[in-house]
Amino acid sequence: MIGIFDSGIGGLTVVSAIMDTLPGYDITYFGDTARTPYGTKSFETVINYALENTEFLLSKGADIIVMACNTASSVATEHLSKKYAVPIFEVITPAVELAVKTSKKKRIGIIGTRATINSGVYEKKIKAMSPDSSVYSNPCPLIVPLVEEGWLKNRETAMIVKKYIYPLKLKQIDTLILGCTHYPVIRNVISRKIGKRVNIIDSSVAVAERIKNFFENQPNMNLGKNGIAHFFVSDITEQFKKTAKVILKRDIDLKHVKI
């Protein structure tokens, strides 16, 4: 079974991408809605949350762990990889590889939570793969709460996105990494504000392809393929149900769990 966790609802974009790319695989998702957002927390706190989330998914029978959270991926990957024997997937490296491959002008922008941007992980990975690339980033702390609140088409959301995007637009980037799995939910708004000529890199799609390649190279790995999906959250809200339906295009049965 594929175990996936995120700070809240954004990780469902990864669930959706995995369901499209790897149809039929059993999935268990945990959204830590009671403690969202992670992007405003200290690195130590995020690492502890990631460890607790992983323990929960392993207790449910996860064979691999997908950190569908850029903040957790940016600070907790090494800790999880050292502690657990199962394969650990993060959403940053696949997105960086796709961005470097896609960018023609080698001018790459990144938007993400404060914790993700402050970690510098995207810049480090891009520079390691493409030393002559110019990299520009901007934290967007209000986007996650807006998505969690279901403000997907509100005028205020578009105004805030425009303000966050504008500094990167001035840098004439040709590729923009959505450095948070919440952001694809408002991809149309982001694309409109940054301009049609800028390539948008969706980390959820990139990590789904990475997992698919992994499975193709591990033919003896026997994961459940019964099309079963379980969804757990640390706090159930009506808004989560509504936004989840927008992302997954169907109603889901949410189960409350205390971590």
C-alpha atoms as a PDB file:
ATOM      1  CA  MET A   1       0.000   0.000   0.000  1.00  0.00           C
ATOM      2  CA  ILE A   2       1.107   3.538  -0.755  1.00  0.00           C
ATOM      3  CA  GLY A   3       1.099   5.760   2.329  1.00  0.00           C
ATOM      4  CA  ILE A   4       0.831   9.506   1.725  1.00  0.00           C
ATOM      5  CA  PHE A   5       0.820  12.369   4.206  1.00  0.00           C
ATOM      6  CA  ASP A   6       0.507  16.140   4.057  1.00  0.00           C
ATOM      7  CA  SER A   7      -0.106  19.019   6.441  1.00  0.00           C
ATOM      8  CA  GLY A   8      -3.661  19.290   5.182  1.00  0.00           C
ATOM      9  CA  ILE A   9      -5.632  19.068   1.977  1.00  0.00           C
ATOM     10  CA  GLY A  10      -2.933  19.924  -0.576  1.00  0.00           C
ATOM     11  CA  GLY A  11      -1.542  16.399  -0.582  1.00  0.00           C
ATOM     12  CA  LEU A  12      -4.729  15.224  -2.257  1.00  0.00           C
ATOM     13  CA  THR A  13      -3.256  16.680  -5.466  1.00  0.00           C
ATOM     14  CA  VAL A  14      -0.556  14.012  -5.087  1.00  0.00           C
ATOM     15  CA  VAL A  15      -3.210  11.363  -4.424  1.00  0.00           C
ATOM     16  CA  SER A  16      -5.017  12.443  -7.597  1.00  0.00           C
ATOM     17  CA  ALA A  17      -1.817  12.325  -9.656  1.00  0.00           C
ATOM     18  CA  ILE A  18      -0.898   8.877  -8.307  1.00  0.00           C
ATOM     19  CA  MET A  19      -4.392   7.555  -9.024  1.00  0.00           C
ATOM     20  CA  ASP A  20      -4.095   8.812 -12.604  1.00  0.00           C
ATOM     21  CA  THR A  21      -0.542   7.524 -13.103  1.00  0.00           C
ATOM     22  CA  LEU A  22      -0.838   4.280 -11.125  1.00  0.00           C
ATOM     23  CA  PRO A  23      -4.502   3.279 -11.263  1.00  0.00           C
ATOM     24  CA  GLY A  24      -5.628   0.533  -8.953  1.00  0.00           C
ATOM     25  CA  TYR A  25      -2.927   0.798  -6.279  1.00  0.00           C
ATOM     26  CA  ASP A  26      -4.144   0.830  -2.686  1.00  0.00           C
ATOM     27  CA  ILE A  27      -3.630   4.193  -0.986  1.00  0.00           C
ATOM     28  CA  THR A  28      -3.870   5.480   2.562  1.00  0.00           C
ATOM     29  CA  TYR A  29      -3.792   9.248   3.012  1.00  0.00           C
ATOM     30  CA  PHE A  30      -3.294  11.247   6.178  1.00  0.00           C
ATOM     31  CA  GLY A  31      -3.989  14.975   6.223  1.00  0.00           C
ATOM     32  CA  ASP A  32      -2.762  16.666   9.401  1.00  0.00           C
ATOM     33  CA  THR A  33      -5.533  19.264   9.358  1.00  0.00           C
ATOM     34  CA  ALA A  34      -5.418  19.877  13.115  1.00  0.00           C
ATOM     35  CA  ARG A  35      -1.816  21.112  12.904  1.00  0.00           C
ATOM     36  CA  THR A  36      -1.804  22.815   9.512  1.00  0.00           C
ATOM     37  CA  PRO A  37      -0.036  24.825   8.194  1.00  0.00           C
ATOM     38  CA  TYR A  38       3.459  23.351   8.540  1.00  0.00           C
ATOM     39  CA  GLY A  39       5.122  26.232   6.698  1.00  0.00           C
ATOM     40  CA  THR A  40       4.998  28.551   9.705  1.00  0.00           C
ATOM     41  CA  LYS A  41       6.427  25.990  12.145  1.00  0.00           C
ATOM     42  CA  SER A  42      10.054  25.473  13.207  1.00  0.00           C
ATOM     43  CA  PHE A  43      12.139  22.850  11.416  1.00  0.00           C
ATOM     44  CA  GLU A  44      12.243  20.724  14.606  1.00  0.00           C
ATOM     45  CA  THR A  45       8.454  20.744  14.906  1.00  0.00           C
ATOM     46  CA  VAL A  46       7.945  19.792  11.252  1.00  0.00           C
ATOM     47  CA  ILE A  47      10.421  16.919  11.586  1.00  0.00           C
ATOM     48  CA  ASN A  48       8.553  15.604  14.635  1.00  0.00           C
ATOM     49  CA  TYR A  49       5.233  15.861  12.785  1.00  0.00           C
ATOM     50  CA  ALA A  50       6.679  13.998   9.792  1.00  0.00           C
ATOM     51  CA  LEU A  51       7.956  11.187  12.034  1.00  0.00           C
ATOM     52  CA  GLU A  52       4.569  10.856  13.750  1.00  0.00           C
ATOM     53  CA  ASN A  53       2.720  10.857  10.426  1.00  0.00           C
ATOM     54  CA  THR A  54       5.028   8.189   9.045  1.00  0.00           C
ATOM     55  CA  GLU A  55       4.548   5.986  12.115  1.00  0.00           C
ATOM     56  CA  PHE A  56       0.786   6.235  11.640  1.00  0.00           C
ATOM     57  CA  LEU A  57       0.928   5.232   7.970  1.00  0.00           C
ATOM     58  CA  LEU A  58       3.283   2.344   8.716  1.00  0.00           C
ATOM     59  CA  SER A  59       0.854   1.149  11.401  1.00  0.00           C
ATOM     60  CA  LYS A  60      -1.799   1.035   8.663  1.00  0.00           C
ATOM     61  CA  GLY A  61       0.407  -1.190   6.499  1.00  0.00           C
ATOM     62  CA  ALA A  62       2.194   1.273   4.205  1.00  0.00           C
ATOM     63  CA  ASP A  63       4.934  -0.288   2.062  1.00  0.00           C
ATOM     64  CA  ILE A  64       6.237   3.069   0.844  1.00  0.00           C
ATOM     65  CA  ILE A  65       5.884   6.596   2.235  1.00  0.00           C
ATOM     66  CA  VAL A  66       5.185   9.673   0.115  1.00  0.00           C
ATOM     67  CA  MET A  67       5.726  13.036   1.769  1.00  0.00           C
ATOM     68  CA  ALA A  68       3.136  15.035  -0.158  1.00  0.00           C
ATOM     69  CA  CYS A  69       4.281  18.160   1.637  1.00  0.00           C
ATOM     70  CA  ASN A  70       7.085  20.405   0.408  1.00  0.00           C
ATOM     71  CA  THR A  71       7.757  21.764   3.886  1.00  0.00           C
ATOM     72  CA  ALA A  72       8.234  18.281   5.343  1.00  0.00           C
ATOM     73  CA  SER A  73      10.192  17.211   2.256  1.00  0.00           C
ATOM     74  CA  SER A  74      12.543  20.175   2.637  1.00  0.00           C
ATOM     75  CA  VAL A  75      13.526  19.469   6.251  1.00  0.00           C
ATOM     76  CA  ALA A  76      12.580  15.888   7.181  1.00  0.00           C
ATOM     77  CA  THR A  77      13.608  13.656   4.249  1.00  0.00           C
ATOM     78  CA  GLU A  78      17.012  12.729   5.665  1.00  0.00           C
ATOM     79  CA  HIS A  79      15.566  11.948   9.100  1.00  0.00           C
ATOM     80  CA  LEU A  80      12.881   9.655   7.679  1.00  0.00           C
ATOM     81  CA  SER A  81      15.265   7.914   5.275  1.00  0.00           C
ATOM     82  CA  LYS A  82      17.691   7.115   8.108  1.00  0.00           C
ATOM     83  CA  LYS A  83      15.022   5.863  10.511  1.00  0.00           C
ATOM     84  CA  TYR A  84      12.795   3.752   8.272  1.00  0.00           C
ATOM     85  CA  ALA A  85      13.643   0.833   5.987  1.00  0.00           C
ATOM     86  CA  VAL A  86      10.774   1.470   3.563  1.00  0.00           C
ATOM     87  CA  PRO A  87      11.225   3.621   0.426  1.00  0.00           C
ATOM     88  CA  ILE A  88      10.661   7.314   1.164  1.00  0.00           C
ATOM     89  CA  PHE A  89       9.560   9.664  -1.615  1.00  0.00           C
ATOM     90  CA  GLU A  90       9.665  13.444  -1.391  1.00  0.00           C
ATOM     91  CA  VAL A  91       8.164  15.939  -3.822  1.00  0.00           C
ATOM     92  CA  ILE A  92      11.122  18.289  -4.286  1.00  0.00           C
ATOM     93  CA  THR A  93      13.706  16.351  -6.313  1.00  0.00           C
ATOM     94  CA  PRO A  94      11.265  15.187  -9.047  1.00  0.00           C
ATOM     95  CA  ALA A  95      10.005  18.773  -9.463  1.00  0.00           C
ATOM     96  CA  VAL A  96      13.547  20.144  -9.686  1.00  0.00           C
ATOM     97  CA  GLU A  97      14.549  17.580 -12.308  1.00  0.00           C
ATOM     98  CA  LEU A  98      11.512  18.432 -14.413  1.00  0.00           C
ATOM     99  CA  ALA A  99      12.105  22.180 -14.029  1.00  0.00           C
ATOM    100  CA  VAL A 100      15.748  21.939 -15.096  1.00  0.00           C
ATOM    101  CA  LYS A 101      14.758  19.804 -18.074  1.00  0.00           C
ATOM    102  CA  THR A 102      11.941  22.176 -19.049  1.00  0.00           C
ATOM    103  CA  SER A 103      13.587  25.584 -18.649  1.00  0.00           C
ATOM    104  CA  LYS A 104      15.111  26.940 -21.871  1.00  0.00           C
ATOM    105  CA  LYS A 105      16.354  30.281 -20.532  1.00  0.00           C
ATOM    106  CA  LYS A 106      17.544  28.702 -17.273  1.00  0.00           C
ATOM    107  CA  ARG A 107      15.599  31.230 -15.250  1.00  0.00           C
ATOM    108  CA  ILE A 108      13.607  29.298 -12.681  1.00  0.00           C
ATOM    109  CA  GLY A 109      11.218  30.638 -10.053  1.00  0.00           C
ATOM    110  CA  ILE A 110       9.911  28.938  -6.927  1.00  0.00           C
ATOM    111  CA  ILE A 111       6.958  29.715  -4.699  1.00  0.00           C
ATOM    112  CA  GLY A 112       6.381  27.897  -1.436  1.00  0.00           C
ATOM    113  CA  THR A 113       5.813  28.217   2.288  1.00  0.00           C
ATOM    114  CA  ARG A 114       8.254  30.226   4.405  1.00  0.00           C
ATOM    115  CA  ALA A 115       9.827  27.038   5.790  1.00  0.00           C
ATOM    116  CA  THR A 116      10.377  25.571   2.321  1.00  0.00           C
ATOM    117  CA  ILE A 117      11.821  28.773   0.864  1.00  0.00           C
ATOM    118  CA  ASN A 118      13.977  29.467   3.943  1.00  0.00           C
ATOM    119  CA  SER A 119      15.446  25.962   3.780  1.00  0.00           C
ATOM    120  CA  GLY A 120      17.029  26.831   0.408  1.00  0.00           C
ATOM    121  CA  VAL A 121      16.578  23.223  -0.704  1.00  0.00           C
ATOM    122  CA  TYR A 122      15.225  24.082  -4.146  1.00  0.00           C
ATOM    123  CA  GLU A 123      18.063  26.465  -4.937  1.00  0.00           C
ATOM    124  CA  LYS A 124      20.655  23.916  -3.785  1.00  0.00           C
ATOM    125  CA  LYS A 125      19.193  21.113  -5.871  1.00  0.00           C
ATOM    126  CA  ILE A 126      18.732  23.265  -8.981  1.00  0.00           C
ATOM    127  CA  LYS A 127      22.287  24.600  -8.760  1.00  0.00           C
ATOM    128  CA  ALA A 128      23.625  21.078  -8.269  1.00  0.00           C
ATOM    129  CA  MET A 129      21.880  19.913 -11.454  1.00  0.00           C
ATOM    130  CA  SER A 130      22.289  23.113 -13.469  1.00  0.00           C
ATOM    131  CA  PRO A 131      25.013  25.423 -12.058  1.00  0.00           C
ATOM    132  CA  ASP A 132      24.412  28.161 -14.638  1.00  0.00           C
ATOM    133  CA  SER A 133      20.692  28.462 -13.896  1.00  0.00           C
ATOM    134  CA  SER A 134      19.384  31.607 -12.241  1.00  0.00           C
ATOM    135  CA  VAL A 135      17.015  30.807  -9.395  1.00  0.00           C
ATOM    136  CA  TYR A 136      14.507  33.142  -7.768  1.00  0.00           C
ATOM    137  CA  SER A 137      12.122  32.331  -4.940  1.00  0.00           C
ATOM    138  CA  ASN A 138       9.347  33.970  -2.979  1.00  0.00           C
ATOM    139  CA  PRO A 139       7.485  32.710   0.106  1.00  0.00           C
ATOM    140  CA  CYS A 140       3.690  32.735  -0.128  1.00  0.00           C
ATOM    141  CA  PRO A 141       2.433  32.108   3.421  1.00  0.00           C
ATOM    142  CA  LEU A 142      -1.199  33.030   2.796  1.00  0.00           C
ATOM    143  CA  ILE A 143      -1.929  30.620  -0.048  1.00  0.00           C
ATOM    144  CA  VAL A 144      -2.181  27.456   2.079  1.00  0.00           C
ATOM    145  CA  PRO A 145      -4.792  28.951   4.460  1.00  0.00           C
ATOM    146  CA  LEU A 146      -6.758  30.264   1.463  1.00  0.00           C
ATOM    147  CA  VAL A 147      -6.839  26.819  -0.153  1.00  0.00           C
ATOM    148  CA  GLU A 148      -7.694  25.130   3.147  1.00  0.00           C
ATOM    149  CA  GLU A 149     -10.540  27.628   3.529  1.00  0.00           C
ATOM    150  CA  GLY A 150     -11.803  26.849   0.023  1.00  0.00           C
ATOM    151  CA  TRP A 151     -11.173  30.346  -1.353  1.00  0.00           C
ATOM    152  CA  LEU A 152     -10.266  28.987  -4.762  1.00  0.00           C
ATOM    153  CA  LYS A 153     -12.006  31.487  -7.032  1.00  0.00           C
ATOM    154  CA  ASN A 154     -12.258  34.519  -4.763  1.00  0.00           C
ATOM    155  CA  ARG A 155     -11.059  37.900  -5.975  1.00  0.00           C
ATOM    156  CA  GLU A 156      -8.972  38.280  -2.807  1.00  0.00           C
ATOM    157  CA  THR A 157      -7.076  35.077  -3.603  1.00  0.00           C
ATOM    158  CA  ALA A 158      -6.236  36.313  -7.097  1.00  0.00           C
ATOM    159  CA  MET A 159      -5.012  39.630  -5.664  1.00  0.00           C
ATOM    160  CA  ILE A 160      -2.757  37.921  -3.122  1.00  0.00           C
ATOM    161  CA  VAL A 161      -1.349  35.535  -5.745  1.00  0.00           C
ATOM    162  CA  LYS A 162      -0.607  38.493  -8.016  1.00  0.00           C
ATOM    163  CA  LYS A 163       1.327  40.222  -5.225  1.00  0.00           C
ATOM    164  CA  TYR A 164       3.387  37.102  -4.516  1.00  0.00           C
ATOM    165  CA  ILE A 165       4.055  36.373  -8.188  1.00  0.00           C
ATOM    166  CA  TYR A 166       4.979  39.893  -9.276  1.00  0.00           C
ATOM    167  CA  PRO A 167       8.639  39.860  -8.038  1.00  0.00           C
ATOM    168  CA  LEU A 168       9.256  36.652  -9.988  1.00  0.00           C
ATOM    169  CA  LYS A 169       7.558  38.074 -13.069  1.00  0.00           C
ATOM    170  CA  LEU A 170      10.024  40.983 -12.982  1.00  0.00           C
ATOM    171  CA  LYS A 171      12.887  38.462 -13.093  1.00  0.00           C
ATOM    172  CA  GLN A 172      11.534  37.154 -16.434  1.00  0.00           C
ATOM    173  CA  ILE A 173      11.498  33.534 -15.360  1.00  0.00           C
ATOM    174  CA  ASP A 174      10.430  30.967 -17.938  1.00  0.00           C
ATOM    175  CA  THR A 175       9.664  28.167 -15.463  1.00  0.00           C
ATOM    176  CA  LEU A 176       7.832  28.285 -12.131  1.00  0.00           C
ATOM    177  CA  ILE A 177       7.900  25.471  -9.576  1.00  0.00           C
ATOM    178  CA  LEU A 178       4.809  25.174  -7.415  1.00  0.00           C
ATOM    179  CA  GLY A 179       6.752  24.416  -4.248  1.00  0.00           C
ATOM    180  CA  CYS A 180       3.710  23.371  -2.230  1.00  0.00           C
ATOM    181  CA  THR A 181       1.162  20.675  -3.049  1.00  0.00           C
ATOM    182  CA  HIS A 182      -1.664  23.052  -2.121  1.00  0.00           C
ATOM    183  CA  TYR A 183      -0.798  25.340  -5.031  1.00  0.00           C
ATOM    184  CA  PRO A 184      -1.968  23.123  -7.933  1.00  0.00           C
ATOM    185  CA  VAL A 185      -5.506  23.552  -6.568  1.00  0.00           C
ATOM    186  CA  ILE A 186      -5.338  27.182  -7.788  1.00  0.00           C
ATOM    187  CA  ARG A 187      -3.008  26.503 -10.711  1.00  0.00           C
ATOM    188  CA  ASN A 188      -5.256  28.412 -13.119  1.00  0.00           C
ATOM    189  CA  VAL A 189      -5.011  31.545 -10.980  1.00  0.00           C
ATOM    190  CA  ILE A 190      -1.238  31.241 -10.678  1.00  0.00           C
ATOM    191  CA  SER A 191      -0.816  30.609 -14.405  1.00  0.00           C
ATOM    192  CA  ARG A 192      -2.935  33.616 -15.258  1.00  0.00           C
ATOM    193  CA  LYS A 193      -0.925  35.920 -13.002  1.00  0.00           C
ATOM    194  CA  ILE A 194       2.538  34.719 -14.043  1.00  0.00           C
ATOM    195  CA  GLY A 195       1.709  34.611 -17.778  1.00  0.00           C
ATOM    196  CA  LYS A 196       1.078  31.940 -20.390  1.00  0.00           C
ATOM    197  CA  ARG A 197       4.710  31.811 -21.516  1.00  0.00           C
ATOM    198  CA  VAL A 198       5.916  30.525 -18.153  1.00  0.00           C
ATOM    199  CA  ASN A 199       5.994  26.746 -17.707  1.00  0.00           C
ATOM    200  CA  ILE A 200       4.313  25.572 -14.503  1.00  0.00           C
ATOM    201  CA  ILE A 201       5.938  22.630 -12.703  1.00  0.00           C
ATOM    202  CA  ASP A 202       3.497  20.641 -10.588  1.00  0.00           C
ATOM    203  CA  SER A 203       5.383  18.542  -8.033  1.00  0.00           C
ATOM    204  CA  SER A 204       2.431  16.175  -7.589  1.00  0.00           C
ATOM    205  CA  VAL A 205       2.661  15.025 -11.208  1.00  0.00           C
ATOM    206  CA  ALA A 206       6.451  14.808 -11.017  1.00  0.00           C
ATOM    207  CA  VAL A 207       6.483  12.598  -7.913  1.00  0.00           C
ATOM    208  CA  ALA A 208       3.778  10.326  -9.358  1.00  0.00           C
ATOM    209  CA  GLU A 209       6.001   9.680 -12.373  1.00  0.00           C
ATOM    210  CA  ARG A 210       8.964   9.024 -10.053  1.00  0.00           C
ATOM    211  CA  ILE A 211       6.966   6.413  -8.139  1.00  0.00           C
ATOM    212  CA  LYS A 212       5.821   4.803 -11.384  1.00  0.00           C
ATOM    213  CA  ASN A 213       9.447   4.477 -12.554  1.00  0.00           C
ATOM    214  CA  PHE A 214      10.402   3.013  -9.181  1.00  0.00           C
ATOM    215  CA  PHE A 215       7.719   0.329  -9.444  1.00  0.00           C
ATOM    216  CA  GLU A 216       8.767  -0.523 -12.996  1.00  0.00           C
ATOM    217  CA  ASN A 217      12.305  -1.166 -11.717  1.00  0.00           C
ATOM    218  CA  GLN A 218      11.062  -3.183  -8.714  1.00  0.00           C
ATOM    219  CA  PRO A 219       8.995  -5.954 -10.344  1.00  0.00           C
ATOM    220  CA  ASN A 220       9.125  -8.121  -7.215  1.00  0.00           C
ATOM    221  CA  MET A 221       7.610  -5.466  -4.966  1.00  0.00           C
ATOM    222  CA  ASN A 222       4.122  -6.693  -4.192  1.00  0.00           C
ATOM    223  CA  LEU A 223       1.822  -3.790  -3.345  1.00  0.00           C
ATOM    224  CA  GLY A 224      -1.924  -4.111  -3.060  1.00  0.00           C
ATOM    225  CA  LYS A 225      -3.832  -3.325  -6.264  1.00  0.00           C
ATOM    226  CA  ASN A 226      -7.419  -3.563  -5.128  1.00  0.00           C
ATOM    227  CA  GLY A 227      -8.295   0.072  -5.820  1.00  0.00           C
ATOM    228  CA  ILE A 228      -8.827   0.698  -2.099  1.00  0.00           C
ATOM    229  CA  ALA A 229      -8.302   4.223  -0.763  1.00  0.00           C
ATOM    230  CA  HIS A 230      -8.552   5.300   2.864  1.00  0.00           C
ATOM    231  CA  PHE A 231      -8.520   8.948   3.954  1.00  0.00           C
ATOM    232  CA  PHE A 232      -7.622   9.983   7.490  1.00  0.00           C
ATOM    233  CA  VAL A 233      -7.424  13.483   8.958  1.00  0.00           C
ATOM    234  CA  SER A 234      -6.531  14.835  12.394  1.00  0.00           C
ATOM    235  CA  ASP A 235      -9.528  17.186  12.250  1.00  0.00           C
ATOM    236  CA  ILE A 236     -12.642  16.854  10.100  1.00  0.00           C
ATOM    237  CA  THR A 237     -14.218  19.986   8.648  1.00  0.00           C
ATOM    238  CA  GLU A 238     -16.988  20.486   6.122  1.00  0.00           C
ATOM    239  CA  GLN A 239     -14.689  22.688   4.066  1.00  0.00           C
ATOM    240  CA  PHE A 240     -12.149  19.867   3.764  1.00  0.00           C
ATOM    241  CA  LYS A 241     -14.852  17.624   2.341  1.00  0.00           C
ATOM    242  CA  LYS A 242     -15.889  20.265  -0.192  1.00  0.00           C
ATOM    243  CA  THR A 243     -12.361  21.038  -1.379  1.00  0.00           C
ATOM    244  CA  ALA A 244     -11.443  17.340  -1.442  1.00  0.00           C
ATOM    245  CA  LYS A 245     -14.349  16.744  -3.807  1.00  0.00           C
ATOM    246  CA  VAL A 246     -13.010  19.501  -6.100  1.00  0.00           C
ATOM    247  CA  ILE A 247      -9.543  17.907  -6.164  1.00  0.00           C
ATOM    248  CA  LEU A 248     -10.538  14.236  -6.460  1.00  0.00           C
ATOM    249  CA  LYS A 249     -13.791  14.842  -8.359  1.00  0.00           C
ATOM    250  CA  ARG A 250     -15.716  12.559  -6.020  1.00  0.00           C
ATOM    251  CA  ASP A 251     -16.925  12.347  -2.447  1.00  0.00           C
ATOM    252  CA  ILE A 252     -14.613  10.612  -0.001  1.00  0.00           C
ATOM    253  CA  ASP A 253     -15.181   8.957   3.360  1.00  0.00           C
ATOM    254  CA  LEU A 254     -13.085  10.831   5.936  1.00  0.00           C
ATOM    255  CA  LYS A 255     -11.975   9.146   9.135  1.00  0.00           C
ATOM    256  CA  HIS A 256     -10.839  11.141  12.147  1.00  0.00           C
ATOM    257  CA  VAL A 257      -7.691  10.025  13.954  1.00  0.00           C
ATOM    258  CA  LYS A 258      -5.590  11.507  16.751  1.00  0.00           C
ATOM    259  CA  ILE A 259      -1.843  11.453  16.198  1.00  0.00           C
END
